[in-house]
């Protein structure tokens, strides 16, 4: 007898958000991170100092962003339980929109939380002043990764904004 597939958890988030969504949302962060690393190398910038600055920026904005996303998601959930969304929930397209929106919010919160953990860890390590034979071998990948996570955390909001707009359009078109 087959085990029934759960409709909850990270597997469902990944299924709804999809690898295609991850790849599409990764394009801009990878490009920006790569360009910034090239510029840092070309200008012979102190990459450790730049890493510390970038981590500081990330630590100062990503937690606020998480709070804002959680607040927006909470407000959206109240709309899901309203009478306006009853007709939407009963259609295949409406149900898909709600699942996509849920997955987008979950993915955004997941990436943002990972970003905070990584940035706190890298900040702690960077402030230990550990001597490394070839520091650029460590600092450039760390800079790229932090930059990627920070830009990804911000750029993924574009998908959420689009999904929220689509929800608003459905409500207005229903009249």
N, C-alpha and C. Protein backbone atom coordinates (compact mmCIF):
# COMPACT_ATOMS: atom_id res chain seq x y z
N UNK A 1 0.85 -1.17 0.00
CA UNK A 1 0.00 0.00 0.00
C UNK A 1 0.89 1.23 0.00
N UNK A 2 0.59 2.16 -0.88
CA UNK A 2 1.38 3.38 -0.98
C UNK A 2 1.07 4.32 0.17
N UNK A 3 2.13 4.96 0.64
CA UNK A 3 1.98 5.96 1.68
C UNK A 3 1.42 7.24 1.04
N UNK A 4 0.35 7.82 1.60
CA UNK A 4 -0.19 9.03 1.00
C UNK A 4 0.82 10.18 1.06
N UNK A 5 0.85 10.95 -0.02
CA UNK A 5 1.79 12.07 -0.09
C UNK A 5 1.28 13.22 0.77
N UNK A 6 2.17 13.74 1.59
CA UNK A 6 1.82 14.86 2.45
C UNK A 6 1.70 16.14 1.63
N UNK A 7 0.82 17.03 2.06
CA UNK A 7 0.67 18.33 1.41
C UNK A 7 1.41 19.41 2.19
N UNK A 8 2.24 18.99 3.14
CA UNK A 8 2.93 19.93 4.00
C UNK A 8 4.44 19.67 3.99
N UNK A 9 5.21 20.65 4.42
CA UNK A 9 6.65 20.46 4.59
C UNK A 9 7.47 21.03 3.45
N UNK A 10 8.79 20.89 3.61
CA UNK A 10 9.74 21.49 2.66
C UNK A 10 9.71 20.81 1.30
N UNK A 11 9.36 19.53 1.26
CA UNK A 11 9.27 18.86 -0.05
C UNK A 11 8.19 19.51 -0.91
N UNK A 12 7.10 19.88 -0.32
CA UNK A 12 6.00 20.52 -1.05
C UNK A 12 6.39 21.95 -1.44
N UNK A 13 7.09 22.64 -0.54
CA UNK A 13 7.57 23.99 -0.87
C UNK A 13 8.47 23.91 -2.10
N UNK A 14 9.41 22.97 -2.08
CA UNK A 14 10.33 22.81 -3.21
C UNK A 14 9.58 22.39 -4.47
N UNK A 15 8.60 21.53 -4.32
CA UNK A 15 7.82 21.09 -5.48
C UNK A 15 7.07 22.27 -6.10
N UNK A 16 6.45 23.10 -5.27
CA UNK A 16 5.68 24.24 -5.78
C UNK A 16 6.58 25.37 -6.27
N UNK A 17 7.65 25.64 -5.54
CA UNK A 17 8.57 26.72 -5.93
C UNK A 17 9.42 26.25 -7.11
N UNK A 18 9.87 25.00 -7.01
CA UNK A 18 10.56 24.34 -8.10
C UNK A 18 11.99 24.75 -8.33
N UNK A 19 12.72 23.84 -8.94
CA UNK A 19 14.12 24.11 -9.29
C UNK A 19 14.19 25.22 -10.35
N UNK A 20 13.18 25.26 -11.20
CA UNK A 20 13.14 26.31 -12.22
C UNK A 20 13.05 27.69 -11.55
N UNK A 21 12.22 27.79 -10.52
CA UNK A 21 12.09 29.04 -9.78
C UNK A 21 13.39 29.43 -9.11
N UNK A 22 14.08 28.45 -8.56
CA UNK A 22 15.37 28.72 -7.90
C UNK A 22 16.38 29.21 -8.93
N UNK A 23 16.44 28.51 -10.08
CA UNK A 23 17.38 28.92 -11.13
C UNK A 23 17.06 30.30 -11.69
N UNK A 24 15.79 30.57 -11.92
CA UNK A 24 15.40 31.89 -12.44
C UNK A 24 15.72 32.99 -11.44
N UNK A 25 15.44 32.73 -10.17
CA UNK A 25 15.70 33.73 -9.14
C UNK A 25 17.19 33.86 -8.83
N UNK A 26 18.00 32.89 -9.24
CA UNK A 26 19.44 32.94 -8.97
C UNK A 26 20.24 33.71 -10.01
N UNK A 27 19.66 33.96 -11.17
CA UNK A 27 20.40 34.62 -12.25
C UNK A 27 20.97 35.97 -11.86
N UNK A 28 20.12 36.86 -11.38
CA UNK A 28 20.56 38.20 -10.99
C UNK A 28 21.56 38.17 -9.83
N UNK A 29 21.30 37.41 -8.76
CA UNK A 29 22.28 37.36 -7.66
C UNK A 29 23.65 36.82 -8.09
N UNK A 30 23.67 35.81 -8.94
CA UNK A 30 24.95 35.27 -9.41
C UNK A 30 25.68 36.31 -10.24
N UNK A 31 24.96 36.97 -11.14
CA UNK A 31 25.57 37.99 -11.99
C UNK A 31 26.15 39.13 -11.15
N UNK A 32 25.36 39.67 -10.23
CA UNK A 32 25.81 40.79 -9.40
C UNK A 32 27.00 40.37 -8.54
N UNK A 33 26.94 39.20 -7.94
CA UNK A 33 28.04 38.71 -7.09
C UNK A 33 29.32 38.55 -7.89
N UNK A 34 29.19 37.99 -9.09
CA UNK A 34 30.36 37.79 -9.95
C UNK A 34 30.97 39.14 -10.35
N UNK A 35 30.12 40.06 -10.78
CA UNK A 35 30.61 41.38 -11.20
C UNK A 35 31.31 42.09 -10.05
N UNK A 36 30.73 42.04 -8.87
CA UNK A 36 31.35 42.70 -7.71
C UNK A 36 32.69 42.06 -7.35
N UNK A 37 32.78 40.74 -7.44
CA UNK A 37 34.05 40.06 -7.17
C UNK A 37 35.11 40.47 -8.20
N UNK A 38 34.73 40.56 -9.46
CA UNK A 38 35.66 40.98 -10.50
C UNK A 38 36.14 42.41 -10.25
N UNK A 39 35.21 43.29 -9.91
CA UNK A 39 35.58 44.68 -9.62
C UNK A 39 36.51 44.75 -8.41
N UNK A 40 36.22 43.98 -7.38
CA UNK A 40 37.08 43.97 -6.19
C UNK A 40 38.50 43.51 -6.55
N UNK A 41 38.58 42.49 -7.37
CA UNK A 41 39.88 41.98 -7.78
C UNK A 41 40.61 42.99 -8.67
N UNK A 42 39.89 43.57 -9.60
CA UNK A 42 40.47 44.54 -10.54
C UNK A 42 40.98 45.78 -9.81
N UNK A 43 40.24 46.23 -8.80
CA UNK A 43 40.62 47.42 -8.04
C UNK A 43 41.57 47.10 -6.88
N UNK A 44 41.91 45.84 -6.72
CA UNK A 44 42.79 45.39 -5.63
C UNK A 44 42.27 45.87 -4.27
N UNK A 45 40.95 45.76 -4.11
CA UNK A 45 40.31 46.17 -2.85
C UNK A 45 40.65 45.18 -1.75
N UNK A 46 40.62 45.65 -0.53
CA UNK A 46 40.80 44.78 0.63
C UNK A 46 39.53 43.95 0.77
N UNK A 47 39.57 42.73 0.28
CA UNK A 47 38.37 41.90 0.20
C UNK A 47 37.84 41.54 1.59
N UNK A 48 38.72 41.39 2.57
CA UNK A 48 38.26 41.10 3.93
C UNK A 48 37.46 42.28 4.48
N UNK A 49 37.96 43.47 4.26
CA UNK A 49 37.23 44.67 4.70
C UNK A 49 35.88 44.76 3.99
N UNK A 50 35.88 44.52 2.69
CA UNK A 50 34.63 44.57 1.91
C UNK A 50 33.66 43.48 2.37
N UNK A 51 34.19 42.32 2.73
CA UNK A 51 33.36 41.23 3.24
C UNK A 51 32.70 41.64 4.55
N UNK A 52 33.49 42.26 5.43
CA UNK A 52 32.94 42.71 6.72
C UNK A 52 31.85 43.76 6.51
N UNK A 53 32.07 44.66 5.57
CA UNK A 53 31.06 45.68 5.27
C UNK A 53 29.79 45.04 4.73
N UNK A 54 29.94 44.12 3.78
CA UNK A 54 28.79 43.45 3.18
C UNK A 54 28.00 42.65 4.22
N UNK A 55 28.72 41.95 5.08
CA UNK A 55 28.06 41.19 6.14
C UNK A 55 27.32 42.13 7.08
N UNK A 56 27.93 43.27 7.40
CA UNK A 56 27.27 44.25 8.26
C UNK A 56 25.99 44.78 7.64
N UNK A 57 26.03 45.05 6.34
CA UNK A 57 24.83 45.50 5.62
C UNK A 57 23.76 44.41 5.68
N UNK A 58 24.17 43.18 5.41
CA UNK A 58 23.22 42.07 5.43
C UNK A 58 22.59 41.86 6.79
N UNK A 59 23.42 41.91 7.83
CA UNK A 59 22.90 41.70 9.18
C UNK A 59 21.96 42.83 9.58
N UNK A 60 22.17 44.01 9.02
CA UNK A 60 21.29 45.12 9.39
C UNK A 60 19.97 45.14 8.61
N UNK A 61 19.93 44.58 7.39
CA UNK A 61 18.67 44.67 6.64
C UNK A 61 17.87 43.37 6.55
N UNK A 62 18.54 42.23 6.53
CA UNK A 62 17.80 40.97 6.31
C UNK A 62 16.84 40.65 7.47
N UNK A 63 17.22 40.83 8.73
CA UNK A 63 16.23 40.56 9.80
C UNK A 63 14.98 41.45 9.70
N UNK A 64 15.16 42.71 9.33
CA UNK A 64 14.01 43.60 9.15
C UNK A 64 13.15 43.13 7.99
N UNK A 65 13.81 42.65 6.95
CA UNK A 65 13.11 42.13 5.79
C UNK A 65 12.29 40.90 6.17
N UNK A 66 12.86 40.03 6.99
CA UNK A 66 12.14 38.83 7.45
C UNK A 66 10.88 39.25 8.22
N UNK A 67 11.02 40.22 9.09
CA UNK A 67 9.86 40.69 9.86
C UNK A 67 8.78 41.26 8.94
N UNK A 68 9.20 42.00 7.93
CA UNK A 68 8.25 42.58 6.99
C UNK A 68 7.55 41.49 6.17
N UNK A 69 8.30 40.50 5.73
CA UNK A 69 7.72 39.40 4.95
C UNK A 69 6.74 38.60 5.82
N UNK A 70 7.11 38.36 7.07
CA UNK A 70 6.20 37.65 7.98
C UNK A 70 4.91 38.43 8.20
N UNK A 71 5.03 39.74 8.37
CA UNK A 71 3.84 40.58 8.55
C UNK A 71 2.96 40.55 7.30
N UNK A 72 3.57 40.66 6.13
CA UNK A 72 2.81 40.62 4.88
C UNK A 72 2.13 39.26 4.71
N UNK A 73 2.83 38.21 5.05
CA UNK A 73 2.26 36.88 4.92
C UNK A 73 1.09 36.68 5.88
N UNK A 74 1.21 37.21 7.07
CA UNK A 74 0.12 37.12 8.04
C UNK A 74 -1.12 37.85 7.52
N UNK A 75 -0.91 39.03 6.97
CA UNK A 75 -2.03 39.78 6.40
C UNK A 75 -2.66 39.01 5.24
N UNK A 76 -1.81 38.44 4.41
CA UNK A 76 -2.32 37.68 3.26
C UNK A 76 -3.13 36.46 3.72
N UNK A 77 -2.67 35.80 4.78
CA UNK A 77 -3.41 34.65 5.29
C UNK A 77 -4.81 35.04 5.75
N UNK A 78 -4.97 36.24 6.28
CA UNK A 78 -6.32 36.68 6.67
C UNK A 78 -7.22 36.82 5.44
N UNK A 79 -6.63 37.23 4.31
CA UNK A 79 -7.41 37.30 3.08
C UNK A 79 -7.78 35.91 2.58
N UNK A 80 -6.89 34.94 2.78
CA UNK A 80 -7.17 33.57 2.35
C UNK A 80 -8.42 33.02 3.04
N UNK A 81 -8.64 33.46 4.27
CA UNK A 81 -9.78 32.95 5.03
C UNK A 81 -11.02 33.82 4.89
N UNK A 82 -10.95 34.83 4.05
CA UNK A 82 -12.09 35.73 3.86
C UNK A 82 -13.03 35.17 2.79
N UNK A 83 -14.21 35.76 2.72
CA UNK A 83 -15.21 35.35 1.73
C UNK A 83 -14.75 35.64 0.30
N UNK A 84 -13.96 36.69 0.11
CA UNK A 84 -13.47 37.05 -1.23
C UNK A 84 -12.67 35.92 -1.86
N UNK A 85 -11.93 35.18 -1.05
CA UNK A 85 -11.07 34.14 -1.60
C UNK A 85 -11.78 32.79 -1.74
N UNK A 86 -13.02 32.68 -1.26
CA UNK A 86 -13.73 31.40 -1.37
C UNK A 86 -13.87 30.96 -2.82
N UNK A 87 -14.25 31.88 -3.69
CA UNK A 87 -14.42 31.51 -5.10
C UNK A 87 -13.08 31.20 -5.75
N UNK A 88 -12.03 31.87 -5.31
CA UNK A 88 -10.69 31.63 -5.86
C UNK A 88 -10.18 30.26 -5.43
N UNK A 89 -10.38 29.93 -4.17
CA UNK A 89 -9.89 28.66 -3.63
C UNK A 89 -10.54 27.45 -4.30
N UNK A 90 -11.72 27.64 -4.84
CA UNK A 90 -12.46 26.53 -5.44
C UNK A 90 -12.14 26.30 -6.90
N UNK A 91 -11.20 27.05 -7.48
CA UNK A 91 -10.80 26.83 -8.87
C UNK A 91 -9.38 26.27 -8.89
N UNK A 92 -9.04 25.57 -9.94
CA UNK A 92 -7.69 25.01 -10.06
C UNK A 92 -6.63 26.10 -10.13
N UNK A 93 -6.89 27.15 -10.94
CA UNK A 93 -5.93 28.24 -11.06
C UNK A 93 -5.78 29.01 -9.76
N UNK A 94 -6.90 29.23 -9.06
CA UNK A 94 -6.84 29.94 -7.78
C UNK A 94 -6.09 29.14 -6.73
N UNK A 95 -6.35 27.85 -6.71
CA UNK A 95 -5.65 26.98 -5.76
C UNK A 95 -4.15 26.96 -6.05
N UNK A 96 -3.81 26.91 -7.35
CA UNK A 96 -2.39 26.93 -7.76
C UNK A 96 -1.74 28.26 -7.36
N UNK A 97 -2.47 29.37 -7.54
CA UNK A 97 -1.94 30.68 -7.16
C UNK A 97 -1.66 30.73 -5.67
N UNK A 98 -2.56 30.23 -4.87
CA UNK A 98 -2.37 30.24 -3.42
C UNK A 98 -1.20 29.34 -3.04
N UNK A 99 -1.07 28.17 -3.65
CA UNK A 99 0.06 27.29 -3.37
C UNK A 99 1.38 27.94 -3.77
N UNK A 100 1.41 28.59 -4.92
CA UNK A 100 2.62 29.28 -5.37
C UNK A 100 2.99 30.42 -4.43
N UNK A 101 1.98 31.14 -4.00
CA UNK A 101 2.23 32.25 -3.07
C UNK A 101 2.76 31.74 -1.74
N UNK A 102 2.15 30.68 -1.23
CA UNK A 102 2.64 30.08 0.02
C UNK A 102 4.09 29.63 -0.14
N UNK A 103 4.38 28.98 -1.25
CA UNK A 103 5.74 28.49 -1.49
C UNK A 103 6.73 29.64 -1.65
N UNK A 104 6.32 30.71 -2.31
CA UNK A 104 7.21 31.87 -2.48
C UNK A 104 7.56 32.49 -1.13
N UNK A 105 6.55 32.65 -0.29
CA UNK A 105 6.80 33.20 1.04
C UNK A 105 7.72 32.28 1.84
N UNK A 106 7.44 30.98 1.80
CA UNK A 106 8.27 30.03 2.55
C UNK A 106 9.71 30.03 2.05
N UNK A 107 9.88 30.05 0.73
CA UNK A 107 11.24 30.07 0.16
C UNK A 107 11.97 31.35 0.54
N UNK A 108 11.27 32.47 0.49
CA UNK A 108 11.88 33.75 0.86
C UNK A 108 12.31 33.73 2.32
N UNK A 109 11.46 33.25 3.18
CA UNK A 109 11.80 33.19 4.61
C UNK A 109 12.94 32.20 4.86
N UNK A 110 12.94 31.09 4.15
CA UNK A 110 14.00 30.10 4.30
C UNK A 110 15.36 30.68 3.89
N UNK A 111 15.40 31.29 2.69
CA UNK A 111 16.65 31.87 2.19
C UNK A 111 17.13 33.00 3.10
N UNK A 112 16.19 33.82 3.55
CA UNK A 112 16.56 34.94 4.43
C UNK A 112 17.10 34.43 5.77
N UNK A 113 16.50 33.38 6.29
CA UNK A 113 16.98 32.81 7.55
C UNK A 113 18.37 32.21 7.38
N UNK A 114 18.58 31.48 6.30
CA UNK A 114 19.91 30.94 6.00
C UNK A 114 20.91 32.08 5.85
N UNK A 115 20.50 33.15 5.19
CA UNK A 115 21.37 34.31 5.00
C UNK A 115 21.81 34.89 6.35
N UNK A 116 20.87 35.03 7.26
CA UNK A 116 21.21 35.56 8.58
C UNK A 116 22.20 34.66 9.29
N UNK A 117 21.96 33.36 9.25
CA UNK A 117 22.86 32.40 9.92
C UNK A 117 24.26 32.47 9.32
N UNK A 118 24.34 32.47 7.98
CA UNK A 118 25.63 32.52 7.30
C UNK A 118 26.35 33.83 7.61
N UNK A 119 25.63 34.93 7.58
CA UNK A 119 26.27 36.23 7.82
C UNK A 119 26.77 36.38 9.25
N UNK A 120 26.02 35.88 10.20
CA UNK A 120 26.48 35.92 11.60
C UNK A 120 27.73 35.05 11.76
N UNK A 121 27.71 33.86 11.15
CA UNK A 121 28.86 32.96 11.23
C UNK A 121 30.09 33.59 10.57
N UNK A 122 29.94 34.11 9.38
CA UNK A 122 31.08 34.72 8.67
C UNK A 122 31.56 35.97 9.40
N UNK A 123 30.65 36.74 9.95
CA UNK A 123 31.04 37.92 10.72
C UNK A 123 31.89 37.52 11.92
N UNK A 124 31.47 36.48 12.60
CA UNK A 124 32.23 36.01 13.77
C UNK A 124 33.62 35.53 13.37
N UNK A 125 33.70 34.77 12.30
CA UNK A 125 34.98 34.25 11.84
C UNK A 125 35.87 35.39 11.34
N UNK A 126 35.30 36.32 10.58
CA UNK A 126 36.09 37.43 10.02
C UNK A 126 36.66 38.33 11.12
N UNK A 127 35.94 38.43 12.22
CA UNK A 127 36.41 39.28 13.32
C UNK A 127 37.41 38.58 14.24
N UNK A 128 37.73 37.34 13.99
CA UNK A 128 38.71 36.61 14.79
C UNK A 128 40.14 36.91 14.35
N UNK A 129 40.30 37.55 13.21
CA UNK A 129 41.63 37.87 12.68
C UNK A 129 42.53 36.64 12.60
N UNK A 130 42.02 35.60 11.99
CA UNK A 130 42.77 34.36 11.79
C UNK A 130 43.73 34.56 10.63
N UNK A 131 44.98 34.18 10.83
CA UNK A 131 45.99 34.28 9.77
C UNK A 131 45.83 33.11 8.80
N UNK A 132 45.74 33.43 7.52
CA UNK A 132 45.60 32.42 6.48
C UNK A 132 46.70 32.66 5.45
N UNK A 133 47.31 31.59 4.96
CA UNK A 133 48.40 31.73 3.98
C UNK A 133 47.94 32.48 2.74
N UNK A 134 46.84 32.06 2.15
CA UNK A 134 46.29 32.72 0.96
C UNK A 134 44.87 33.16 1.28
N UNK A 135 44.72 34.33 1.91
CA UNK A 135 43.39 34.76 2.36
C UNK A 135 42.38 34.97 1.24
N UNK A 136 42.85 35.36 0.05
CA UNK A 136 41.91 35.60 -1.05
C UNK A 136 41.20 34.33 -1.50
N UNK A 137 41.85 33.17 -1.29
CA UNK A 137 41.24 31.89 -1.65
C UNK A 137 40.00 31.64 -0.79
N UNK A 138 40.00 32.19 0.41
CA UNK A 138 38.85 32.05 1.32
C UNK A 138 37.91 33.26 1.20
N UNK A 139 38.48 34.45 1.15
CA UNK A 139 37.68 35.67 1.23
C UNK A 139 36.83 35.92 -0.01
N UNK A 140 37.36 35.65 -1.20
CA UNK A 140 36.56 35.88 -2.41
C UNK A 140 35.34 34.95 -2.50
N UNK A 141 35.50 33.64 -2.26
CA UNK A 141 34.30 32.79 -2.26
C UNK A 141 33.32 33.18 -1.14
N UNK A 142 33.85 33.57 0.01
CA UNK A 142 32.96 33.99 1.10
C UNK A 142 32.21 35.26 0.70
N UNK A 143 32.91 36.20 0.08
CA UNK A 143 32.28 37.43 -0.38
C UNK A 143 31.21 37.13 -1.43
N UNK A 144 31.55 36.26 -2.39
CA UNK A 144 30.60 35.87 -3.43
C UNK A 144 29.35 35.25 -2.81
N UNK A 145 29.54 34.34 -1.87
CA UNK A 145 28.42 33.62 -1.25
C UNK A 145 27.53 34.57 -0.45
N UNK A 146 28.13 35.45 0.34
CA UNK A 146 27.35 36.41 1.13
C UNK A 146 26.61 37.36 0.20
N UNK A 147 27.28 37.84 -0.83
CA UNK A 147 26.65 38.74 -1.79
C UNK A 147 25.49 38.03 -2.49
N UNK A 148 25.71 36.79 -2.89
CA UNK A 148 24.66 36.00 -3.53
C UNK A 148 23.44 35.88 -2.61
N UNK A 149 23.67 35.48 -1.36
CA UNK A 149 22.56 35.30 -0.43
C UNK A 149 21.81 36.61 -0.19
N UNK A 150 22.55 37.70 -0.04
CA UNK A 150 21.93 38.99 0.21
C UNK A 150 21.09 39.45 -0.99
N UNK A 151 21.65 39.36 -2.17
CA UNK A 151 20.91 39.78 -3.37
C UNK A 151 19.75 38.83 -3.64
N UNK A 152 19.95 37.53 -3.41
CA UNK A 152 18.86 36.56 -3.60
C UNK A 152 17.72 36.85 -2.63
N UNK A 153 18.05 37.16 -1.37
CA UNK A 153 17.03 37.45 -0.38
C UNK A 153 16.19 38.65 -0.77
N UNK A 154 16.81 39.62 -1.40
CA UNK A 154 16.08 40.82 -1.83
C UNK A 154 15.34 40.55 -3.14
N UNK A 155 16.00 39.89 -4.10
CA UNK A 155 15.39 39.71 -5.42
C UNK A 155 14.22 38.73 -5.41
N UNK A 156 14.21 37.80 -4.47
CA UNK A 156 13.10 36.85 -4.39
C UNK A 156 11.80 37.57 -4.03
N UNK A 157 11.94 38.75 -3.43
CA UNK A 157 10.75 39.54 -3.11
C UNK A 157 9.99 39.96 -4.36
N UNK A 158 10.70 40.07 -5.49
CA UNK A 158 10.03 40.44 -6.74
C UNK A 158 8.96 39.41 -7.12
N UNK A 159 9.26 38.14 -6.93
CA UNK A 159 8.27 37.09 -7.20
C UNK A 159 7.08 37.18 -6.27
N UNK A 160 7.34 37.51 -5.02
CA UNK A 160 6.25 37.64 -4.06
C UNK A 160 5.38 38.84 -4.43
N UNK A 161 6.00 39.93 -4.84
CA UNK A 161 5.24 41.11 -5.24
C UNK A 161 4.35 40.78 -6.43
N UNK A 162 4.88 40.02 -7.38
CA UNK A 162 4.07 39.62 -8.54
C UNK A 162 2.89 38.75 -8.11
N UNK A 163 3.14 37.78 -7.20
CA UNK A 163 2.05 36.93 -6.73
C UNK A 163 0.99 37.74 -5.98
N UNK A 164 1.43 38.70 -5.17
CA UNK A 164 0.47 39.55 -4.45
C UNK A 164 -0.35 40.38 -5.43
N UNK A 165 0.31 40.89 -6.46
CA UNK A 165 -0.40 41.64 -7.49
C UNK A 165 -1.44 40.76 -8.16
N UNK A 166 -1.07 39.53 -8.49
CA UNK A 166 -2.01 38.60 -9.13
C UNK A 166 -3.22 38.34 -8.24
N UNK A 167 -2.99 38.22 -6.93
CA UNK A 167 -4.12 38.04 -6.00
C UNK A 167 -5.03 39.26 -6.03
N UNK A 168 -4.44 40.44 -6.02
CA UNK A 168 -5.22 41.67 -6.10
C UNK A 168 -6.01 41.75 -7.39
N UNK A 169 -5.39 41.33 -8.50
CA UNK A 169 -6.07 41.35 -9.79
C UNK A 169 -7.27 40.41 -9.79
N UNK A 170 -7.12 39.25 -9.19
CA UNK A 170 -8.23 38.29 -9.14
C UNK A 170 -9.40 38.88 -8.38
N UNK A 171 -9.10 39.55 -7.29
CA UNK A 171 -10.16 40.14 -6.48
C UNK A 171 -10.87 41.25 -7.26
N UNK A 172 -10.10 42.09 -7.94
CA UNK A 172 -10.71 43.19 -8.68
C UNK A 172 -11.45 42.71 -9.93
N UNK A 173 -10.96 41.65 -10.56
CA UNK A 173 -11.61 41.12 -11.75
C UNK A 173 -12.92 40.39 -11.42
N UNK A 174 -13.05 39.98 -10.17
CA UNK A 174 -14.22 39.24 -9.73
C UNK A 174 -15.45 40.11 -9.67
N UNK A 175 -15.26 41.42 -9.53
CA UNK A 175 -16.40 42.33 -9.39
C UNK A 175 -17.17 42.49 -10.67
